[in-house]
Protein backbone atom coordinates (compact mmCIF):
# COMPACT_ATOMS: atom_id res chain seq x y z
CA MET A 1 14.73 8.00 -0.29
CA ILE A 2 18.17 9.30 0.55
CA GLU A 3 20.24 7.23 2.99
CA LEU A 4 22.84 9.12 4.95
CA ASP A 5 26.09 7.60 6.12
CA TYR A 6 25.56 8.43 9.79
CA ARG A 7 26.46 5.94 12.52
CA ASP A 8 27.23 8.21 15.45
CA ASP A 9 25.10 8.94 18.49
CA LEU A 10 21.78 10.52 17.46
CA THR A 11 22.01 12.83 20.46
CA ASN A 12 25.05 14.58 18.94
CA CYS A 13 23.11 17.40 17.30
CA ARG A 14 26.09 19.10 15.67
CA LYS A 15 27.29 15.98 13.85
CA LEU A 16 23.74 15.03 12.85
CA ALA A 17 22.98 18.53 11.58
CA ASP A 18 26.06 18.41 9.39
CA GLN A 19 24.87 15.11 7.93
CA LEU A 20 21.34 16.39 7.36
CA THR A 21 22.67 19.14 5.11
CA ALA A 22 23.36 16.48 2.48
CA SER A 23 19.68 15.53 2.46
CA GLY A 24 18.54 18.88 1.08
CA LEU A 25 17.25 20.44 4.29
CA GLY A 26 17.94 24.14 4.76
CA ASP A 27 20.31 25.51 7.39
CA GLU A 28 17.65 26.34 9.97
CA ALA A 29 15.61 23.19 9.33
CA ARG A 30 18.58 20.87 9.83
CA TRP A 31 19.17 22.17 13.36
CA ASP A 32 15.48 21.82 14.22
CA LYS A 33 15.51 18.23 12.95
CA ALA A 34 18.70 17.36 14.82
CA GLU A 35 17.07 18.47 18.07
CA LEU A 36 13.95 16.44 17.32
CA PHE A 37 16.02 13.34 16.60
CA ALA A 38 17.78 13.81 19.93
CA LYS A 39 14.41 14.11 21.68
CA ALA A 40 13.10 10.95 19.99
CA ASP A 41 16.30 9.05 20.71
CA ALA A 42 16.15 10.01 24.38
CA ALA A 43 12.50 8.91 24.62
CA LEU A 44 13.37 5.57 23.03
CA SER A 45 16.26 5.06 25.45
CA ARG A 46 13.98 5.71 28.41
CA ARG A 47 11.48 3.23 26.99
CA ARG A 48 14.02 0.45 26.52
CA GLY A 49 15.84 0.87 29.81
CA GLU A 50 18.87 -1.42 29.96
CA ASP A 51 18.50 -2.16 26.25
CA GLY A 52 18.43 1.56 25.46
CA ARG A 53 21.57 1.58 23.34
CA GLY A 54 20.50 -1.22 21.01
CA THR A 55 20.28 -1.09 17.24
CA ARG A 56 18.72 2.12 15.91
CA ARG A 57 16.89 2.95 12.70
CA ALA A 58 16.17 6.63 12.09
CA PHE A 59 14.06 8.29 9.39
CA PHE A 60 12.90 11.79 8.53
CA VAL A 61 9.43 11.95 6.96
CA PRO A 62 8.18 15.39 5.85
CA GLY A 63 4.73 16.88 5.67
CA ARG A 64 3.56 18.03 2.27
CA ILE A 65 2.39 21.22 0.60
CA GLU A 66 -0.35 20.79 -1.97
CA VAL A 67 0.39 23.66 -4.35
CA LEU A 68 -2.51 22.82 -6.66
CA GLY A 69 -4.84 19.86 -7.04
CA LYS A 70 -7.68 20.16 -4.55
CA HIS A 71 -9.48 16.79 -4.22
CA THR A 72 -8.22 15.60 -7.60
CA ASP A 73 -6.01 12.60 -6.80
CA TYR A 74 -8.67 10.01 -5.93
CA ALA A 75 -10.52 11.01 -9.13
CA GLY A 76 -7.49 10.18 -11.29
CA GLY A 77 -6.54 13.83 -11.70
CA ARG A 78 -3.28 15.67 -11.37
CA SER A 79 -1.75 17.82 -8.66
CA MET A 80 1.36 19.90 -7.99
CA VAL A 81 3.06 19.13 -4.68
CA ALA A 82 6.15 19.81 -2.61
CA ALA A 83 7.49 18.56 0.70
CA ALA A 84 7.80 20.85 3.69
CA GLU A 85 10.94 21.07 5.79
CA ARG A 86 8.85 20.14 8.82
CA GLY A 87 7.92 16.58 9.57
CA PHE A 88 8.46 13.49 11.72
CA CYS A 89 11.82 12.48 13.11
CA LEU A 90 11.55 8.77 13.94
CA VAL A 91 13.93 6.53 15.84
CA ALA A 92 13.15 2.81 16.15
CA SER A 93 14.65 -0.32 17.64
CA PRO A 94 13.52 -3.81 16.61
CA ARG A 95 12.01 -6.21 19.11
CA ARG A 96 12.16 -9.99 19.29
CA ASP A 97 8.35 -10.31 19.55
CA ASN A 98 5.40 -8.86 17.61
CA HIS A 99 4.72 -5.99 20.02
CA VAL A 100 4.83 -2.41 18.76
CA ALA A 101 5.12 0.67 20.93
CA VAL A 102 4.79 4.10 19.34
CA ILE A 103 5.89 6.97 21.58
CA ASP A 104 5.12 10.63 20.90
CA ALA A 105 8.29 12.17 22.33
CA VAL A 106 6.82 15.68 22.19
CA CYS A 107 3.48 15.05 23.89
CA ASN A 108 4.74 12.17 26.08
CA GLU A 109 1.99 9.85 24.91
CA ALA A 110 2.31 6.23 23.83
CA ALA A 111 0.31 3.57 22.03
CA GLN A 112 0.97 -0.15 22.34
CA PHE A 113 -0.37 -2.93 20.13
CA THR A 114 0.63 -6.09 18.31
CA LEU A 115 1.58 -6.67 14.70
CA GLU A 116 -1.21 -9.06 13.72
CA PRO A 117 -3.90 -9.33 11.03
CA ASP A 118 -6.85 -9.16 13.45
CA LEU A 119 -5.70 -6.00 15.21
CA THR A 120 -8.58 -3.57 15.84
CA PRO A 121 -7.40 0.07 15.48
CA ASN A 122 -8.72 2.78 17.80
CA ALA A 123 -10.87 4.92 15.51
CA GLY A 124 -10.87 8.58 16.54
CA HIS A 125 -7.50 8.37 18.32
CA TRP A 126 -4.09 9.15 16.83
CA SER A 127 -3.09 5.52 17.36
CA ASN A 128 -5.57 4.58 14.61
CA TYR A 129 -2.92 5.52 12.04
CA PRO A 130 0.04 3.37 13.19
CA MET A 131 -2.31 0.53 14.13
CA THR A 132 -3.85 0.54 10.65
CA VAL A 133 -0.34 0.29 9.17
CA ALA A 134 0.53 -2.64 11.43
CA ARG A 135 -2.70 -4.49 10.62
CA ARG A 136 -2.22 -4.06 6.87
CA ILE A 137 1.43 -5.23 7.01
CA ALA A 138 0.42 -8.35 8.92
CA ARG A 139 -2.32 -9.10 6.37
CA ASN A 140 -0.35 -8.37 3.21
CA PHE A 141 2.94 -9.93 4.34
CA PRO A 142 2.13 -13.09 6.33
CA GLY A 143 4.96 -13.97 8.69
CA ALA A 144 6.11 -10.36 9.06
CA ASP A 145 5.75 -10.45 12.81
CA ARG A 146 8.69 -8.58 14.26
CA GLY A 147 7.67 -5.57 16.30
CA ALA A 148 9.57 -2.44 17.23
CA ASP A 149 9.79 0.33 19.79
CA ILE A 150 9.28 3.55 17.84
CA ALA A 151 9.74 7.12 19.09
CA LEU A 152 8.41 10.03 17.04
CA ALA A 153 9.05 13.75 17.37
CA SER A 154 7.28 16.11 14.98
CA ASP A 155 7.20 19.85 14.32
CA LEU A 156 4.27 19.61 11.90
CA PRO A 157 1.20 21.53 13.02
CA PRO A 158 -1.51 18.85 13.46
CA ALA A 159 -4.68 18.91 11.37
CA ALA A 160 -3.39 21.91 9.39
CA GLY A 161 -3.57 20.46 5.87
CA MET A 162 0.08 19.35 5.81
CA SER A 163 -0.72 15.61 5.93
CA SER A 164 0.56 14.97 9.43
CA SER A 165 -1.54 11.78 9.64
CA SER A 166 -0.24 10.43 6.31
CA ALA A 167 3.33 11.36 7.30
CA MET A 168 2.93 9.41 10.53
CA MET A 169 1.66 6.38 8.61
CA VAL A 170 4.57 6.56 6.17
CA ALA A 171 7.04 6.87 9.05
CA VAL A 172 5.66 3.87 10.93
CA PHE A 173 5.55 1.82 7.73
CA LEU A 174 9.19 2.61 6.93
CA ALA A 175 10.25 1.50 10.40
CA LEU A 176 8.24 -1.73 10.44
CA ALA A 177 9.13 -2.52 6.83
CA ASP A 178 12.79 -2.13 7.70
CA VAL A 179 12.82 -4.37 10.78
CA ASN A 180 10.79 -7.00 8.88
CA ARG A 181 12.88 -6.67 5.69
CA LEU A 182 9.75 -6.36 3.57
CA VAL A 183 11.68 -5.34 0.45
CA GLU A 184 13.04 -8.90 0.32
CA ARG A 185 9.56 -10.43 0.35
CA THR A 186 8.05 -11.82 -2.85
CA GLU A 187 4.79 -9.95 -2.23
CA TYR A 188 6.68 -6.68 -2.02
CA ARG A 189 8.87 -7.27 -5.08
CA GLU A 190 5.89 -8.26 -7.22
CA ASN A 191 3.89 -5.12 -6.43
CA ILE A 192 6.24 -2.32 -5.40
CA HIS A 193 9.06 -1.43 -7.79
CA SER A 194 9.63 2.28 -7.12
CA PRO A 195 8.89 5.10 -4.66
CA THR A 196 5.78 5.98 -6.70
CA ASP A 197 4.53 2.40 -6.35
CA LEU A 198 5.16 2.59 -2.62
CA ALA A 199 3.21 5.86 -2.49
CA GLY A 200 0.34 4.22 -4.32
CA TYR A 201 0.37 1.27 -1.93
CA LEU A 202 0.47 3.45 1.18
CA GLY A 203 -2.44 5.46 -0.20
CA THR A 204 -4.45 2.24 -0.23
CA VAL A 205 -3.32 1.40 3.31
CA GLU A 206 -4.99 4.67 4.31
CA ASN A 207 -8.16 4.40 2.19
CA GLY A 208 -8.59 0.63 2.49
CA GLN A 209 -8.35 -0.28 -1.21
CA THR A 210 -6.42 -3.15 -2.78
CA PHE A 211 -3.05 -2.52 -4.45
CA GLY A 212 -2.08 -5.12 -7.03
CA THR A 213 -2.21 -8.44 -5.21
CA LEU A 214 -1.93 -6.74 -1.81
CA GLU A 215 -5.49 -7.06 -0.56
CA GLY A 216 -7.24 -4.04 0.90
CA ASP A 217 -8.56 -3.57 4.41
CA ARG A 218 -10.72 -1.11 6.31
CA GLY A 219 -8.22 1.78 6.19
CA VAL A 220 -8.56 4.76 8.52
CA GLY A 221 -12.03 5.78 7.33
CA THR A 222 -11.26 8.41 4.69
CA PHE A 223 -11.85 8.00 0.95
CA GLY A 224 -8.71 9.79 -0.20
CA GLY A 225 -6.01 9.10 -2.76
CA SER A 226 -2.23 8.90 -2.76
CA GLU A 227 -1.20 12.52 -3.35
CA ASP A 228 0.09 12.98 0.20
CA HIS A 229 2.17 9.81 0.14
CA THR A 230 3.56 10.64 -3.30
CA ALA A 231 4.78 14.05 -2.17
CA ILE A 232 6.23 12.62 1.02
CA LEU A 233 8.16 9.85 -0.77
CA THR A 234 9.23 11.51 -4.03
CA ALA A 235 9.62 15.27 -3.46
CA GLU A 236 12.74 17.17 -4.52
CA SER A 237 14.32 20.07 -2.67
CA ASN A 238 13.51 23.51 -4.09
CA ARG A 239 11.11 22.05 -6.66
CA VAL A 240 7.42 21.43 -7.23
CA SER A 241 6.43 18.05 -8.68
CA GLN A 242 3.43 17.41 -10.91
CA TYR A 243 1.80 13.97 -10.78
CA SER A 244 -1.37 12.30 -11.95
CA TYR A 245 -2.96 9.44 -10.05
CA CYS A 246 -4.80 6.11 -10.14
CA PRO A 247 -2.11 4.90 -10.76
CA VAL A 248 0.58 7.36 -9.67
CA ARG A 249 2.37 8.82 -12.70
CA PHE A 250 5.15 11.40 -12.70
CA GLU A 251 4.57 14.25 -15.17
CA ARG A 252 7.22 16.87 -14.48
CA SER A 253 9.40 18.66 -11.93
CA ILE A 254 9.54 22.45 -11.84
CA ALA A 255 12.15 24.58 -10.07
CA ILE A 256 10.93 27.22 -7.65
CA PRO A 257 12.63 30.55 -8.45
CA SER A 258 15.62 30.78 -6.13
CA GLN A 259 14.57 34.10 -4.59
CA TYR A 260 11.19 32.76 -3.39
CA THR A 261 10.06 30.50 -0.58
CA PHE A 262 6.86 29.22 1.01
CA VAL A 263 5.22 30.79 4.03
CA ILE A 264 2.51 28.78 5.78
CA GLY A 265 -0.44 30.24 7.65
CA VAL A 266 -2.30 27.83 9.94
CA SER A 267 -5.86 29.04 10.49
CA GLY A 268 -6.43 27.38 13.85
CA ILE A 269 -9.59 25.77 12.49
CA VAL A 270 -8.85 22.09 12.95
CA ALA A 271 -9.05 20.05 9.72
CA GLU A 272 -9.13 16.63 11.31
CA LYS A 273 -10.30 13.69 9.21
CA THR A 274 -12.50 12.46 12.04
CA GLY A 275 -16.16 12.87 12.97
CA ALA A 276 -18.11 15.54 11.09
CA ALA A 277 -14.98 16.80 9.29
CA ARG A 278 -14.33 13.31 7.91
CA GLU A 279 -17.89 13.12 6.61
CA LYS A 280 -17.50 16.43 4.77
CA TYR A 281 -14.23 15.23 3.27
CA ASN A 282 -15.75 11.90 2.22
CA ALA A 283 -18.77 13.66 0.70
CA ALA A 284 -16.47 15.31 -1.86
CA SER A 285 -15.13 11.87 -2.75
CA ARG A 286 -18.62 10.37 -2.96
CA LEU A 287 -19.73 13.20 -5.23
CA ALA A 288 -16.94 12.38 -7.67
CA SER A 289 -17.88 8.69 -7.59
CA ALA A 290 -21.56 9.54 -8.10
CA VAL A 291 -20.73 11.57 -11.22
CA VAL A 292 -18.76 8.65 -12.66
CA LYS A 293 -21.58 6.23 -11.86
CA ARG A 294 -24.09 8.38 -13.74
CA TRP A 295 -21.75 8.43 -16.72
CA CYS A 296 -21.21 4.67 -16.71
CA ASP A 297 -24.93 3.93 -16.25
CA ALA A 298 -25.83 6.19 -19.17
CA THR A 299 -23.08 5.14 -21.58
CA GLY A 300 -22.48 1.51 -20.66
CA ARG A 301 -18.78 2.27 -20.18
CA SER A 302 -16.69 1.24 -17.16
CA ASP A 303 -14.42 4.27 -16.70
CA PRO A 304 -12.92 4.10 -13.19
CA HIS A 305 -12.74 7.82 -12.37
CA LEU A 306 -13.38 11.37 -13.63
CA ALA A 307 -10.05 11.70 -15.42
CA ALA A 308 -10.80 8.57 -17.44
CA VAL A 309 -14.25 9.91 -18.31
CA LEU A 310 -12.75 13.10 -19.72
CA LEU A 311 -10.22 11.11 -21.74
CA SER A 312 -12.88 8.85 -23.26
CA SER A 313 -13.84 11.25 -26.07
CA PRO A 314 -13.36 14.91 -27.07
CA ASP A 315 -16.94 15.79 -26.15
CA ALA A 316 -17.16 13.68 -22.98
CA GLY A 317 -17.32 16.73 -20.72
CA GLU A 318 -20.33 18.25 -22.45
CA GLN A 319 -22.00 14.87 -22.74
CA LEU A 320 -21.51 14.27 -19.02
CA LYS A 321 -23.09 17.64 -18.16
CA THR A 322 -26.18 16.64 -20.12
CA ILE A 323 -26.32 13.27 -18.35
CA ILE A 324 -26.05 14.91 -14.92
CA ALA A 325 -28.91 17.29 -15.70
CA SER A 326 -31.24 14.57 -17.00
CA THR A 327 -30.88 11.77 -14.43
CA ARG A 328 -31.55 11.44 -10.73
CA HIS A 329 -29.28 10.34 -7.89
CA ASP A 330 -30.45 9.11 -4.49
CA GLU A 331 -27.98 11.16 -2.43
CA PHE A 332 -26.96 14.24 -4.42
CA ASP A 333 -28.93 16.76 -6.48
CA PRO A 334 -27.84 17.65 -10.04
CA ASP A 335 -26.45 21.06 -9.04
CA ALA A 336 -24.08 19.50 -6.50
CA LEU A 337 -22.92 16.88 -8.99
CA LEU A 338 -22.40 19.46 -11.72
CA ALA A 339 -20.41 21.73 -9.39
CA ARG A 340 -18.19 18.81 -8.37
CA PHE A 341 -17.54 17.89 -11.99
CA GLU A 342 -16.84 21.48 -13.05
CA HIS A 343 -14.38 21.92 -10.20
CA PHE A 344 -12.47 18.80 -11.17
CA ARG A 345 -12.37 19.66 -14.86
CA VAL A 346 -11.12 23.21 -14.29
CA GLU A 347 -8.49 22.21 -11.73
CA HIS A 348 -7.26 19.12 -13.59
CA GLU A 349 -7.45 20.20 -17.24
CA GLN A 350 -7.05 23.98 -17.14
CA VAL A 351 -5.47 25.41 -14.01
CA ILE A 352 -2.70 22.91 -13.26
CA PRO A 353 -1.18 22.49 -16.75
CA THR A 354 -1.18 26.24 -17.40
CA ALA A 355 0.05 27.13 -13.93
CA GLY A 356 2.88 24.63 -14.27
CA ASP A 357 3.90 26.20 -17.57
CA ALA A 358 3.79 29.66 -16.01
CA LEU A 359 5.96 28.65 -13.04
CA ALA A 360 8.44 26.83 -15.29
CA GLY A 361 8.64 29.91 -17.53
CA GLY A 362 9.09 32.33 -14.65
CA ASP A 363 5.76 34.10 -15.27
CA LEU A 364 4.82 34.49 -11.62
CA ASP A 365 2.09 37.02 -12.37
CA LEU A 366 0.19 34.47 -14.47
CA PHE A 367 0.99 31.74 -11.96
CA GLY A 368 -0.54 33.85 -9.19
CA ARG A 369 -3.71 34.52 -11.18
CA LEU A 370 -4.16 30.82 -11.89
CA VAL A 371 -3.69 29.96 -8.22
CA ASP A 372 -6.35 32.58 -7.46
CA ARG A 373 -8.64 30.75 -9.87
CA SER A 374 -8.01 27.49 -8.05
CA GLN A 375 -8.82 29.11 -4.71
CA GLU A 376 -12.01 30.61 -6.13
CA GLY A 377 -13.04 27.21 -7.47
CA ALA A 378 -12.52 25.64 -4.05
CA GLU A 379 -14.72 28.27 -2.46
CA ARG A 380 -17.49 28.36 -5.08
CA LEU A 381 -17.61 24.86 -6.59
CA LEU A 382 -15.86 22.41 -4.26
CA GLY A 383 -17.21 24.04 -1.13
CA ASN A 384 -14.40 22.89 1.16
CA GLN A 385 -13.35 26.31 2.44
CA VAL A 386 -14.20 28.11 5.67
CA PRO A 387 -14.12 31.91 6.13
CA GLU A 388 -10.76 31.72 7.87
CA THR A 389 -8.91 29.92 5.05
CA ALA A 390 -10.55 32.01 2.33
CA SER A 391 -9.54 35.19 4.16
CA LEU A 392 -6.00 33.94 4.76
CA ALA A 393 -5.48 33.43 1.03
CA ALA A 394 -6.89 36.86 0.17
CA MET A 395 -4.84 38.56 2.90
CA ALA A 396 -1.65 36.92 1.66
CA ARG A 397 -2.21 38.30 -1.81
CA ARG A 398 -2.99 41.79 -0.48
CA ASN A 399 0.24 41.73 1.51
CA GLY A 400 2.41 40.93 -1.49
CA ALA A 401 2.49 37.15 -1.96
CA VAL A 402 2.90 36.29 -5.64
CA ALA A 403 0.50 33.37 -5.10
CA ALA A 404 -1.49 31.94 -2.21
CA SER A 405 -3.99 29.14 -1.73
CA ALA A 406 -5.62 26.98 0.89
CA PHE A 407 -4.54 23.35 0.65
CA GLY A 408 -5.27 19.90 1.99
CA ALA A 409 -8.63 18.32 2.70
CA GLY A 410 -10.19 21.67 3.53
CA PHE A 411 -12.89 22.59 6.06
CA GLY A 412 -10.12 24.25 8.07
CA GLY A 413 -6.37 23.84 7.94
CA GLY A 414 -3.85 26.16 6.35
CA VAL A 415 -2.81 28.33 3.43
CA TRP A 416 0.51 28.53 1.59
CA ALA A 417 1.94 31.74 0.18
CA LEU A 418 4.88 32.14 -2.20
CA VAL A 419 6.95 35.11 -1.06
CA GLU A 420 10.28 36.72 -1.85
CA LYS A 421 12.88 35.51 0.64
CA SER A 422 14.01 39.08 1.30
CA ARG A 423 10.48 39.97 2.44
CA THR A 424 9.56 36.97 4.58
CA GLU A 425 9.99 38.67 7.96
CA ALA A 426 7.85 41.69 7.01
CA PHE A 427 5.32 39.48 5.24
CA LEU A 428 4.97 37.15 8.23
CA SER A 429 4.33 40.06 10.54
CA ALA A 430 1.76 41.73 8.28
CA TRP A 431 -0.05 38.50 7.35
CA SER A 432 -0.34 37.18 10.89
CA GLU A 433 -1.39 40.56 12.27
CA ALA A 434 -4.11 40.99 9.63
CA TYR A 435 -5.48 37.51 10.29
CA ARG A 436 -5.52 37.79 14.06
CA ARG A 437 -7.18 41.18 13.83
CA GLU A 438 -10.01 39.78 11.69
CA PHE A 439 -10.31 36.48 13.58
CA PRO A 440 -9.32 37.24 17.19
CA LYS A 441 -10.81 33.99 18.49
CA GLN A 442 -8.22 32.07 16.46
CA ALA A 443 -5.26 34.19 17.55
CA SER A 444 -4.01 31.76 20.19
CA VAL A 445 -4.25 28.65 17.99
CA SER A 446 -3.14 30.01 14.62
CA GLY A 447 0.47 29.87 13.47
CA PHE A 448 2.75 31.24 10.75
CA PHE A 449 6.15 30.00 9.61
CA VAL A 450 8.56 29.84 6.67
CA THR A 451 9.53 26.58 4.98
CA GLY A 452 11.51 25.82 1.90
CA ALA A 453 10.47 23.04 -0.46
CA GLY A 454 12.33 20.18 1.15
CA PRO A 455 13.43 16.65 0.31
CA ALA A 456 11.43 13.43 0.32
CA ALA A 457 11.54 11.02 3.24
CA PHE A 458 15.00 9.63 3.88
CA ARG A 459 16.75 7.20 6.17
CA VAL A 460 19.32 8.71 8.51
CA CYS A 461 20.88 5.54 9.89
């Protein structure tokens, strides 16, 4: 994370915007963030009343763009990610007790709870995410019992595939970790040595797994990995990062050609990880686990995920296909298991390495074709697309994007497009008009905007 030398009033937007330039945010984004910080700061002052001008901690935590790597991270695979220039602006003040208040300064909603190991999060409500963070901190770091008043202001579209829920969890963790000085704790120092370690840990906070000696908990109910947290905590401005997972491992950083930028299309089909949508998301994870279980049962090996299976021998992929076809599984039929495996292998072993080479070499035509292949695999093999996201990707390509793909958990959400900066205004108009013409019911809830590849989360003061 970048720490800015800013100690002035957070409501002074001009001074704050000047400071935010050093973080890697673009000119327009820095003004938007300065206004959000002012909104959060004002909400916190109203909350604290006479103590309103107490000590402040402020952080910016971005959403992420999954360029490639659909449902690969929890299976040990690789992905290519970037941070958006939209995200959460958080302002927090420490308390003397273990009470935590999280205020949404945009929606004027608040959640209040205590920092304790037996806290019961509110499943199905947005407060589930900060409460899960608080519960896990209290369990993993006994004695960390200092609460905070936290105000958040976000310009991320919710449930649009940009990891707004993970960004909120990261933001709340950074605030509570700061007021409790977790980095000085033995438990922290023994397990978390870098931003990638922190990303891995926060992934387990979300999915409930154990990280090192930091014991797992129930999580938020989704069986995901740590891709979102990795992008949020390690991204670089104007670059795409390639990582592999389980554990998190950096592979390379690739510059985005300077004349191009991202344009995001939000379908208006909500991609919430709750209810039926969460079950669809978790089914993709269970399919991957079921494939690995078949492999381990048949071979006597103990490979932890699909990436490890493929690394076990040169012919492991073909051997696994034979195993899938010849054994039974209680929940999934062989065709579903085979499709899940084929999707992972193509995305992890073929599309991402070659696409990364193409982008690094400036071959945007090849890069676009490989992204098309990834989108086709999501539609045909992974099965996590809806008509709206599939059409958005195709429309983007027809209107001149050099590459476009749906991203995130799927079953709704958004699509990114890589577009020449000189054409963004015309592209936005054509893309949004084409989508709203084909899907008029989504016209009022869809959205389209430009974002550069921004910086990782950073502390402002």
